[in-house]
Amino acid sequence: MDKNKYYVSVQAGTIMANQGDAAYEFEIEATPEEIVKLQELFEDQYYIENDNFLRTHAAGVPYHHDASNDAYDMGMHDIYSLIYELGTPETKKHIESMQIL
């Protein structure tokens, strides 16, 4: 299946087909199926972020002992890994410079 260019904002959790639609951080080339997978990762991360927001009101759990924070970290790793896999050479170089994978 042919790949198309998409523009991704991790901060906003968006994937756009048109470069000028909104601000973005990364450019990728992906099939429709790969876009569905990335969108699912963004949706999962949204729910994890909501859980973390609610959890912040219960003080006393250190970050490194908090399963919800672990889930957030793993979700972000999965998102950046897929963006790296689908990314243009410039996107890959940028993610490598971030040293997050």
PDB file of N, CA and C in Angstrom:
ATOM      1  N   MET A   1       0.844  -1.179   0.000  1.00  0.00           N
ATOM      2  CA  MET A   1       0.000   0.000   0.000  1.00  0.00           C
ATOM      3  C   MET A   1       0.890   1.243   0.000  1.00  0.00           C
ATOM      4  N   ASP A   2       0.461   2.257  -0.698  1.00  0.00           N
ATOM      5  CA  ASP A   2       1.234   3.489  -0.798  1.00  0.00           C
ATOM      6  C   ASP A   2       1.229   4.258   0.515  1.00  0.00           C
ATOM      7  N   LYS A   3       2.354   4.905   0.758  1.00  0.00           N
ATOM      8  CA  LYS A   3       2.473   5.751   1.942  1.00  0.00           C
ATOM      9  C   LYS A   3       2.274   7.204   1.538  1.00  0.00           C
ATOM     10  N   ASN A   4       1.659   7.951   2.418  1.00  0.00           N
ATOM     11  CA  ASN A   4       1.453   9.383   2.226  1.00  0.00           C
ATOM     12  C   ASN A   4       2.168  10.139   3.332  1.00  0.00           C
ATOM     13  N   LYS A   5       2.427  11.419   3.083  1.00  0.00           N
ATOM     14  CA  LYS A   5       3.042  12.263   4.103  1.00  0.00           C
ATOM     15  C   LYS A   5       1.979  12.742   5.077  1.00  0.00           C
ATOM     16  N   TYR A   6       2.370  12.754   6.348  1.00  0.00           N
ATOM     17  CA  TYR A   6       1.522  13.270   7.417  1.00  0.00           C
ATOM     18  C   TYR A   6       2.385  14.122   8.327  1.00  0.00           C
ATOM     19  N   TYR A   7       1.731  14.995   9.056  1.00  0.00           N
ATOM     20  CA  TYR A   7       2.401  15.926   9.947  1.00  0.00           C
ATOM     21  C   TYR A   7       1.848  15.684  11.348  1.00  0.00           C
ATOM     22  N   VAL A   8       2.748  15.427  12.291  1.00  0.00           N
ATOM     23  CA  VAL A   8       2.355  14.934  13.605  1.00  0.00           C
ATOM     24  C   VAL A   8       2.757  15.922  14.694  1.00  0.00           C
ATOM     25  N   SER A   9       1.826  16.177  15.594  1.00  0.00           N
ATOM     26  CA  SER A   9       2.115  16.936  16.805  1.00  0.00           C
ATOM     27  C   SER A   9       1.911  16.009  17.997  1.00  0.00           C
ATOM     28  N   VAL A  10       2.993  15.662  18.654  1.00  0.00           N
ATOM     29  CA  VAL A  10       2.886  14.832  19.857  1.00  0.00           C
ATOM     30  C   VAL A  10       2.218  15.638  20.961  1.00  0.00           C
ATOM     31  N   GLN A  11       2.588  16.895  21.075  1.00  0.00           N
ATOM     32  CA  GLN A  11       2.034  17.756  22.116  1.00  0.00           C
ATOM     33  C   GLN A  11       0.515  17.830  22.027  1.00  0.00           C
ATOM     34  N   ALA A  12      -0.014  17.971  20.822  1.00  0.00           N
ATOM     35  CA  ALA A  12      -1.462  18.082  20.635  1.00  0.00           C
ATOM     36  C   ALA A  12      -2.129  16.734  20.396  1.00  0.00           C
ATOM     37  N   GLY A  13      -1.329  15.701  20.115  1.00  0.00           N
ATOM     38  CA  GLY A  13      -1.898  14.390  19.815  1.00  0.00           C
ATOM     39  C   GLY A  13      -2.630  14.365  18.489  1.00  0.00           C
ATOM     40  N   THR A  14      -2.093  15.085  17.501  1.00  0.00           N
ATOM     41  CA  THR A  14      -2.777  15.179  16.216  1.00  0.00           C
ATOM     42  C   THR A  14      -1.916  14.655  15.074  1.00  0.00           C
ATOM     43  N   ILE A  15      -2.614  14.184  14.043  1.00  0.00           N
ATOM     44  CA  ILE A  15      -1.993  13.709  12.809  1.00  0.00           C
ATOM     45  C   ILE A  15      -2.730  14.406  11.669  1.00  0.00           C
ATOM     46  N   MET A  16      -1.990  15.160  10.866  1.00  0.00           N
ATOM     47  CA  MET A  16      -2.624  15.948   9.812  1.00  0.00           C
ATOM     48  C   MET A  16      -2.084  15.565   8.444  1.00  0.00           C
ATOM     49  N   ALA A  17      -2.965  15.543   7.459  1.00  0.00           N
ATOM     50  CA  ALA A  17      -2.554  15.257   6.088  1.00  0.00           C
ATOM     51  C   ALA A  17      -2.045  16.511   5.384  1.00  0.00           C
ATOM     52  N   ASN A  18      -2.467  17.673   5.850  1.00  0.00           N
ATOM     53  CA  ASN A  18      -2.069  18.938   5.227  1.00  0.00           C
ATOM     54  C   ASN A  18      -1.108  19.686   6.139  1.00  0.00           C
ATOM     55  N   GLN A  19       0.024  20.034   5.607  1.00  0.00           N
ATOM     56  CA  GLN A  19       1.086  20.653   6.383  1.00  0.00           C
ATOM     57  C   GLN A  19       0.648  21.949   7.061  1.00  0.00           C
ATOM     58  N   GLY A  20      -0.181  22.720   6.443  1.00  0.00           N
ATOM     59  CA  GLY A  20      -0.558  24.015   6.985  1.00  0.00           C
ATOM     60  C   GLY A  20      -1.737  24.007   7.936  1.00  0.00           C
ATOM     61  N   ASP A  21      -2.293  22.848   8.242  1.00  0.00           N
ATOM     62  CA  ASP A  21      -3.496  22.799   9.085  1.00  0.00           C
ATOM     63  C   ASP A  21      -3.248  23.278  10.508  1.00  0.00           C
ATOM     64  N   ALA A  22      -2.098  22.965  11.074  1.00  0.00           N
ATOM     65  CA  ALA A  22      -1.780  23.341  12.454  1.00  0.00           C
ATOM     66  C   ALA A  22      -0.290  23.127  12.673  1.00  0.00           C
ATOM     67  N   ALA A  23       0.178  23.582  13.814  1.00  0.00           N
ATOM     68  CA  ALA A  23       1.588  23.382  14.155  1.00  0.00           C
ATOM     69  C   ALA A  23       1.864  21.888  14.328  1.00  0.00           C
ATOM     70  N   TYR A  24       3.069  21.485  13.973  1.00  0.00           N
ATOM     71  CA  TYR A  24       3.454  20.080  14.104  1.00  0.00           C
ATOM     72  C   TYR A  24       4.935  20.005  14.427  1.00  0.00           C
ATOM     73  N   GLU A  25       5.351  18.860  14.971  1.00  0.00           N
ATOM     74  CA  GLU A  25       6.756  18.655  15.301  1.00  0.00           C
ATOM     75  C   GLU A  25       7.457  17.702  14.341  1.00  0.00           C
ATOM     76  N   PHE A  26       6.701  16.754  13.762  1.00  0.00           N
ATOM     77  CA  PHE A  26       7.328  15.690  12.989  1.00  0.00           C
ATOM     78  C   PHE A  26       6.602  15.437  11.674  1.00  0.00           C
ATOM     79  N   GLU A  27       7.376  15.042  10.672  1.00  0.00           N
ATOM     80  CA  GLU A  27       6.838  14.640   9.376  1.00  0.00           C
ATOM     81  C   GLU A  27       7.088  13.139   9.227  1.00  0.00           C
ATOM     82  N   ILE A  28       6.046  12.411   8.838  1.00  0.00           N
ATOM     83  CA  ILE A  28       6.165  10.965   8.658  1.00  0.00           C
ATOM     84  C   ILE A  28       5.598  10.570   7.301  1.00  0.00           C
ATOM     85  N   GLU A  29       5.902   9.346   6.895  1.00  0.00           N
ATOM     86  CA  GLU A  29       5.303   8.744   5.708  1.00  0.00           C
ATOM     87  C   GLU A  29       4.677   7.436   6.158  1.00  0.00           C
ATOM     88  N   ALA A  30       3.360   7.305   5.960  1.00  0.00           N
ATOM     89  CA  ALA A  30       2.652   6.168   6.530  1.00  0.00           C
ATOM     90  C   ALA A  30       1.484   5.729   5.662  1.00  0.00           C
ATOM     91  N   THR A  31       1.113   4.460   5.848  1.00  0.00           N
ATOM     92  CA  THR A  31      -0.095   3.918   5.235  1.00  0.00           C
ATOM     93  C   THR A  31      -1.287   4.282   6.122  1.00  0.00           C
ATOM     94  N   PRO A  32      -2.505   4.158   5.613  1.00  0.00           N
ATOM     95  CA  PRO A  32      -3.674   4.405   6.463  1.00  0.00           C
ATOM     96  C   PRO A  32      -3.687   3.513   7.713  1.00  0.00           C
ATOM     97  N   GLU A  33      -3.248   2.274   7.584  1.00  0.00           N
ATOM     98  CA  GLU A  33      -3.221   1.365   8.732  1.00  0.00           C
ATOM     99  C   GLU A  33      -2.236   1.844   9.793  1.00  0.00           C
ATOM    100  N   GLU A  34      -1.102   2.358   9.355  1.00  0.00           N
ATOM    101  CA  GLU A  34      -0.107   2.868  10.307  1.00  0.00           C
ATOM    102  C   GLU A  34      -0.617   4.124  11.010  1.00  0.00           C
ATOM    103  N   ILE A  35      -1.385   4.931  10.303  1.00  0.00           N
ATOM    104  CA  ILE A  35      -1.981   6.123  10.916  1.00  0.00           C
ATOM    105  C   ILE A  35      -2.996   5.719  11.979  1.00  0.00           C
ATOM    106  N   VAL A  36      -3.776   4.689  11.706  1.00  0.00           N
ATOM    107  CA  VAL A  36      -4.732   4.195  12.703  1.00  0.00           C
ATOM    108  C   VAL A  36      -3.987   3.764  13.963  1.00  0.00           C
ATOM    109  N   LYS A  37      -2.881   3.060  13.809  1.00  0.00           N
ATOM    110  CA  LYS A  37      -2.093   2.609  14.958  1.00  0.00           C
ATOM    111  C   LYS A  37      -1.578   3.801  15.764  1.00  0.00           C
ATOM    112  N   LEU A  38      -1.048   4.815  15.089  1.00  0.00           N
ATOM    113  CA  LEU A  38      -0.550   5.997  15.795  1.00  0.00           C
ATOM    114  C   LEU A  38      -1.690   6.724  16.498  1.00  0.00           C
ATOM    115  N   GLN A  39      -2.839   6.830  15.849  1.00  0.00           N
ATOM    116  CA  GLN A  39      -3.992   7.476  16.477  1.00  0.00           C
ATOM    117  C   GLN A  39      -4.434   6.708  17.719  1.00  0.00           C
ATOM    118  N   GLU A  40      -4.410   5.393  17.660  1.00  0.00           N
ATOM    119  CA  GLU A  40      -4.754   4.580  18.834  1.00  0.00           C
ATOM    120  C   GLU A  40      -3.783   4.839  19.981  1.00  0.00           C
ATOM    121  N   LEU A  41      -2.499   4.977  19.668  1.00  0.00           N
ATOM    122  CA  LEU A  41      -1.514   5.282  20.711  1.00  0.00           C
ATOM    123  C   LEU A  41      -1.793   6.644  21.337  1.00  0.00           C
ATOM    124  N   PHE A  42      -2.143   7.639  20.515  1.00  0.00           N
ATOM    125  CA  PHE A  42      -2.491   8.959  21.048  1.00  0.00           C
ATOM    126  C   PHE A  42      -3.738   8.882  21.934  1.00  0.00           C
ATOM    127  N   GLU A  43      -4.737   8.121  21.514  1.00  0.00           N
ATOM    128  CA  GLU A  43      -5.960   7.990  22.311  1.00  0.00           C
ATOM    129  C   GLU A  43      -5.670   7.302  23.638  1.00  0.00           C
ATOM    130  N   ASP A  44      -4.878   6.244  23.609  1.00  0.00           N
ATOM    131  CA  ASP A  44      -4.496   5.564  24.851  1.00  0.00           C
ATOM    132  C   ASP A  44      -3.786   6.536  25.789  1.00  0.00           C
ATOM    133  N   GLN A  45      -2.899   7.337  25.232  1.00  0.00           N
ATOM    134  CA  GLN A  45      -2.134   8.286  26.042  1.00  0.00           C
ATOM    135  C   GLN A  45      -3.046   9.339  26.659  1.00  0.00           C
ATOM    136  N   TYR A  46      -4.068   9.738  25.949  1.00  0.00           N
ATOM    137  CA  TYR A  46      -5.025  10.710  26.471  1.00  0.00           C
ATOM    138  C   TYR A  46      -5.676  10.188  27.755  1.00  0.00           C
ATOM    139  N   TYR A  47      -6.091   8.930  27.746  1.00  0.00           N
ATOM    140  CA  TYR A  47      -6.734   8.355  28.930  1.00  0.00           C
ATOM    141  C   TYR A  47      -5.747   8.180  30.072  1.00  0.00           C
ATOM    142  N   ILE A  48      -4.526   7.830  29.757  1.00  0.00           N
ATOM    143  CA  ILE A  48      -3.497   7.712  30.793  1.00  0.00           C
ATOM    144  C   ILE A  48      -3.241   9.080  31.428  1.00  0.00           C
ATOM    145  N   GLU A  49      -3.173  10.123  30.609  1.00  0.00           N
ATOM    146  CA  GLU A  49      -2.966  11.473  31.140  1.00  0.00           C
ATOM    147  C   GLU A  49      -4.104  11.882  32.069  1.00  0.00           C
ATOM    148  N   ASN A  50      -5.333  11.540  31.724  1.00  0.00           N
ATOM    149  CA  ASN A  50      -6.467  11.847  32.602  1.00  0.00           C
ATOM    150  C   ASN A  50      -6.352  11.106  33.923  1.00  0.00           C
ATOM    151  N   ASP A  51      -5.966   9.842  33.877  1.00  0.00           N
ATOM    152  CA  ASP A  51      -5.768   9.080  35.113  1.00  0.00           C
ATOM    153  C   ASP A  51      -4.682   9.719  35.971  1.00  0.00           C
ATOM    154  N   ASN A  52      -3.606  10.146  35.339  1.00  0.00           N
ATOM    155  CA  ASN A  52      -2.515  10.779  36.078  1.00  0.00           C
ATOM    156  C   ASN A  52      -2.959  12.089  36.711  1.00  0.00           C
ATOM    157  N   PHE A  53      -3.792  12.841  36.011  1.00  0.00           N
ATOM    158  CA  PHE A  53      -4.299  14.087  36.573  1.00  0.00           C
ATOM    159  C   PHE A  53      -5.084  13.810  37.851  1.00  0.00           C
ATOM    160  N   LEU A  54      -5.943  12.820  37.806  1.00  0.00           N
ATOM    161  CA  LEU A  54      -6.732  12.484  38.988  1.00  0.00           C
ATOM    162  C   LEU A  54      -5.841  11.965  40.115  1.00  0.00           C
ATOM    163  N   ARG A  55      -4.812  11.202  39.757  1.00  0.00           N
ATOM    164  CA  ARG A  55      -3.921  10.640  40.754  1.00  0.00           C
ATOM    165  C   ARG A  55      -3.092  11.717  41.452  1.00  0.00           C
ATOM    166  N   THR A  56      -2.802  12.810  40.790  1.00  0.00           N
ATOM    167  CA  THR A  56      -1.974  13.851  41.401  1.00  0.00           C
ATOM    168  C   THR A  56      -2.613  14.444  42.643  1.00  0.00           C
ATOM    169  N   HIS A  57      -3.883  14.260  42.794  1.00  0.00           N
ATOM    170  CA  HIS A  57      -4.567  14.774  43.975  1.00  0.00           C
ATOM    171  C   HIS A  57      -4.419  13.849  45.173  1.00  0.00           C
ATOM    172  N   ALA A  58      -3.833  12.693  44.981  1.00  0.00           N
ATOM    173  CA  ALA A  58      -3.559  11.759  46.080  1.00  0.00           C
ATOM    174  C   ALA A  58      -2.050  11.762  46.307  1.00  0.00           C
ATOM    175  N   ALA A  59      -1.610  12.624  47.189  1.00  0.00           N
ATOM    176  CA  ALA A  59      -0.172  12.782  47.435  1.00  0.00           C
ATOM    177  C   ALA A  59       0.407  11.547  48.125  1.00  0.00           C
ATOM    178  N   GLY A  60       1.716  11.445  48.043  1.00  0.00           N
ATOM    179  CA  GLY A  60       2.398  10.409  48.798  1.00  0.00           C
ATOM    180  C   GLY A  60       2.966   9.273  47.980  1.00  0.00           C
ATOM    181  N   VAL A  61       2.720   9.232  46.685  1.00  0.00           N
ATOM    182  CA  VAL A  61       3.267   8.161  45.851  1.00  0.00           C
ATOM    183  C   VAL A  61       4.431   8.737  45.046  1.00  0.00           C
ATOM    184  N   PRO A  62       5.660   8.305  45.343  1.00  0.00           N
ATOM    185  CA  PRO A  62       6.800   8.806  44.567  1.00  0.00           C
ATOM    186  C   PRO A  62       6.676   8.409  43.095  1.00  0.00           C
ATOM    187  N   TYR A  63       7.189   9.267  42.232  1.00  0.00           N
ATOM    188  CA  TYR A  63       7.078   9.049  40.790  1.00  0.00           C
ATOM    189  C   TYR A  63       7.561   7.664  40.384  1.00  0.00           C
ATOM    190  N   HIS A  64       8.691   7.243  40.912  1.00  0.00           N
ATOM    191  CA  HIS A  64       9.283   5.971  40.489  1.00  0.00           C
ATOM    192  C   HIS A  64       8.563   4.748  41.066  1.00  0.00           C
ATOM    193  N   HIS A  65       7.549   4.955  41.894  1.00  0.00           N
ATOM    194  CA  HIS A  65       6.735   3.846  42.413  1.00  0.00           C
ATOM    195  C   HIS A  65       5.280   3.948  41.952  1.00  0.00           C
ATOM    196  N   ASP A  66       5.045   4.719  40.939  1.00  0.00           N
ATOM    197  CA  ASP A  66       3.682   4.997  40.500  1.00  0.00           C
ATOM    198  C   ASP A  66       3.417   4.312  39.161  1.00  0.00           C
ATOM    199  N   ALA A  67       2.573   3.293  39.170  1.00  0.00           N
ATOM    200  CA  ALA A  67       2.280   2.521  37.956  1.00  0.00           C
ATOM    201  C   ALA A  67       1.658   3.392  36.863  1.00  0.00           C
ATOM    202  N   SER A  68       0.880   4.379  37.247  1.00  0.00           N
ATOM    203  CA  SER A  68       0.261   5.259  36.262  1.00  0.00           C
ATOM    204  C   SER A  68       1.324   6.066  35.512  1.00  0.00           C
ATOM    205  N   ASN A  69       2.329   6.529  36.230  1.00  0.00           N
ATOM    206  CA  ASN A  69       3.426   7.246  35.573  1.00  0.00           C
ATOM    207  C   ASN A  69       4.235   6.311  34.687  1.00  0.00           C
ATOM    208  N   ASP A  70       4.401   5.070  35.121  1.00  0.00           N
ATOM    209  CA  ASP A  70       5.096   4.086  34.285  1.00  0.00           C
ATOM    210  C   ASP A  70       4.341   3.875  32.975  1.00  0.00           C
ATOM    211  N   ALA A  71       3.016   3.807  33.059  1.00  0.00           N
ATOM    212  CA  ALA A  71       2.196   3.634  31.857  1.00  0.00           C
ATOM    213  C   ALA A  71       2.342   4.842  30.934  1.00  0.00           C
ATOM    214  N   TYR A  72       2.394   6.034  31.515  1.00  0.00           N
ATOM    215  CA  TYR A  72       2.586   7.247  30.710  1.00  0.00           C
ATOM    216  C   TYR A  72       3.928   7.195  29.979  1.00  0.00           C
ATOM    217  N   ASP A  73       4.975   6.855  30.712  1.00  0.00           N
ATOM    218  CA  ASP A  73       6.313   6.778  30.104  1.00  0.00           C
ATOM    219  C   ASP A  73       6.353   5.755  28.977  1.00  0.00           C
ATOM    220  N   MET A  74       5.752   4.597  29.194  1.00  0.00           N
ATOM    221  CA  MET A  74       5.741   3.550  28.170  1.00  0.00           C
ATOM    222  C   MET A  74       4.939   4.000  26.947  1.00  0.00           C
ATOM    223  N   GLY A  75       3.825   4.679  27.185  1.00  0.00           N
ATOM    224  CA  GLY A  75       3.022   5.183  26.074  1.00  0.00           C
ATOM    225  C   GLY A  75       3.779   6.194  25.234  1.00  0.00           C
ATOM    226  N   MET A  76       4.496   7.099  25.896  1.00  0.00           N
ATOM    227  CA  MET A  76       5.289   8.081  25.153  1.00  0.00           C
ATOM    228  C   MET A  76       6.403   7.395  24.374  1.00  0.00           C
ATOM    229  N   HIS A  77       7.012   6.390  24.968  1.00  0.00           N
ATOM    230  CA  HIS A  77       8.062   5.639  24.270  1.00  0.00           C
ATOM    231  C   HIS A  77       7.484   4.976  23.020  1.00  0.00           C
ATOM    232  N   ASP A  78       6.301   4.383  23.147  1.00  0.00           N
ATOM    233  CA  ASP A  78       5.662   3.725  22.001  1.00  0.00           C
ATOM    234  C   ASP A  78       5.336   4.729  20.892  1.00  0.00           C
ATOM    235  N   ILE A  79       4.858   5.902  21.277  1.00  0.00           N
ATOM    236  CA  ILE A  79       4.528   6.938  20.295  1.00  0.00           C
ATOM    237  C   ILE A  79       5.777   7.385  19.550  1.00  0.00           C
ATOM    238  N   TYR A  80       6.815   7.715  20.297  1.00  0.00           N
ATOM    239  CA  TYR A  80       8.045   8.179  19.645  1.00  0.00           C
ATOM    240  C   TYR A  80       8.705   7.079  18.828  1.00  0.00           C
ATOM    241  N   SER A  81       8.595   5.834  19.268  1.00  0.00           N
ATOM    242  CA  SER A  81       9.162   4.722  18.497  1.00  0.00           C
ATOM    243  C   SER A  81       8.473   4.590  17.147  1.00  0.00           C
ATOM    244  N   LEU A  82       7.144   4.683  17.139  1.00  0.00           N
ATOM    245  CA  LEU A  82       6.412   4.569  15.879  1.00  0.00           C
ATOM    246  C   LEU A  82       6.686   5.776  14.978  1.00  0.00           C
ATOM    247  N   ILE A  83       6.735   6.961  15.553  1.00  0.00           N
ATOM    248  CA  ILE A  83       7.055   8.143  14.748  1.00  0.00           C
ATOM    249  C   ILE A  83       8.452   8.000  14.155  1.00  0.00           C
ATOM    250  N   TYR A  84       9.391   7.495  14.933  1.00  0.00           N
ATOM    251  CA  TYR A  84      10.747   7.280  14.424  1.00  0.00           C
ATOM    252  C   TYR A  84      10.725   6.284  13.268  1.00  0.00           C
ATOM    253  N   GLU A  85      10.006   5.189  13.451  1.00  0.00           N
ATOM    254  CA  GLU A  85       9.919   4.150  12.419  1.00  0.00           C
ATOM    255  C   GLU A  85       9.348   4.696  11.113  1.00  0.00           C
ATOM    256  N   LEU A  86       8.345   5.561  11.216  1.00  0.00           N
ATOM    257  CA  LEU A  86       7.662   6.100  10.040  1.00  0.00           C
ATOM    258  C   LEU A  86       8.265   7.420   9.558  1.00  0.00           C
ATOM    259  N   GLY A  87       9.166   7.968  10.324  1.00  0.00           N
ATOM    260  CA  GLY A  87       9.661   9.311  10.077  1.00  0.00           C
ATOM    261  C   GLY A  87      10.527   9.476   8.848  1.00  0.00           C
ATOM    262  N   THR A  88      10.544  10.709   8.370  1.00  0.00           N
ATOM    263  CA  THR A  88      11.469  11.096   7.309  1.00  0.00           C
ATOM    264  C   THR A  88      12.878  11.119   7.905  1.00  0.00           C
ATOM    265  N   PRO A  89      13.898  11.179   7.071  1.00  0.00           N
ATOM    266  CA  PRO A  89      15.262  11.266   7.616  1.00  0.00           C
ATOM    267  C   PRO A  89      15.435  12.423   8.607  1.00  0.00           C
ATOM    268  N   GLU A  90      14.821  13.564   8.325  1.00  0.00           N
ATOM    269  CA  GLU A  90      14.911  14.704   9.246  1.00  0.00           C
ATOM    270  C   GLU A  90      14.232  14.393  10.578  1.00  0.00           C
ATOM    271  N   THR A  91      13.079  13.737  10.532  1.00  0.00           N
ATOM    272  CA  THR A  91      12.381  13.351  11.752  1.00  0.00           C
ATOM    273  C   THR A  91      13.228  12.378  12.564  1.00  0.00           C
ATOM    274  N   LYS A  92      13.797  11.396  11.904  1.00  0.00           N
ATOM    275  CA  LYS A  92      14.638  10.423  12.611  1.00  0.00           C
ATOM    276  C   LYS A  92      15.830  11.105  13.264  1.00  0.00           C
ATOM    277  N   LYS A  93      16.445  12.021  12.555  1.00  0.00           N
ATOM    278  CA  LYS A  93      17.598  12.735  13.100  1.00  0.00           C
ATOM    279  C   LYS A  93      17.190  13.540  14.330  1.00  0.00           C
ATOM    280  N   HIS A  94      16.030  14.192  14.258  1.00  0.00           N
ATOM    281  CA  HIS A  94      15.553  14.990  15.387  1.00  0.00           C
ATOM    282  C   HIS A  94      15.279  14.106  16.605  1.00  0.00           C
ATOM    283  N   ILE A  95      14.611  12.987  16.413  1.00  0.00           N
ATOM    284  CA  ILE A  95      14.316  12.097  17.537  1.00  0.00           C
ATOM    285  C   ILE A  95      15.607  11.529  18.117  1.00  0.00           C
ATOM    286  N   GLU A  96      16.564  11.190  17.262  1.00  0.00           N
ATOM    287  CA  GLU A  96      17.859  10.720  17.760  1.00  0.00           C
ATOM    288  C   GLU A  96      18.525  11.790  18.624  1.00  0.00           C
ATOM    289  N   SER A  97      18.411  13.047  18.225  1.00  0.00           N
ATOM    290  CA  SER A  97      19.022  14.133  18.997  1.00  0.00           C
ATOM    291  C   SER A  97      18.346  14.311  20.359  1.00  0.00           C
ATOM    292  N   MET A  98      17.101  13.883  20.479  1.00  0.00           N
ATOM    293  CA  MET A  98      16.370  13.976  21.739  1.00  0.00           C
ATOM    294  C   MET A  98      16.828  12.918  22.740  1.00  0.00           C
ATOM    295  N   GLN A  99      17.448  11.847  22.255  1.00  0.00           N
ATOM    296  CA  GLN A  99      17.955  10.744  23.086  1.00  0.00           C
ATOM    297  C   GLN A  99      16.869  10.166  23.999  1.00  0.00           C
ATOM    298  N   ILE A 100      15.713   9.888  23.428  1.00  0.00           N
ATOM    299  CA  ILE A 100      14.604   9.350  24.219  1.00  0.00           C
ATOM    300  C   ILE A 100      14.296   7.894  23.903  1.00  0.00           C
ATOM    301  N   LEU A 101      14.924   7.356  22.875  1.00  0.00           N
ATOM    302  CA  LEU A 101      14.670   5.955  22.512  1.00  0.00           C
ATOM    303  C   LEU A 101      15.874   5.092  22.823  1.00  0.00           C
TER     304      LEU A 101
END
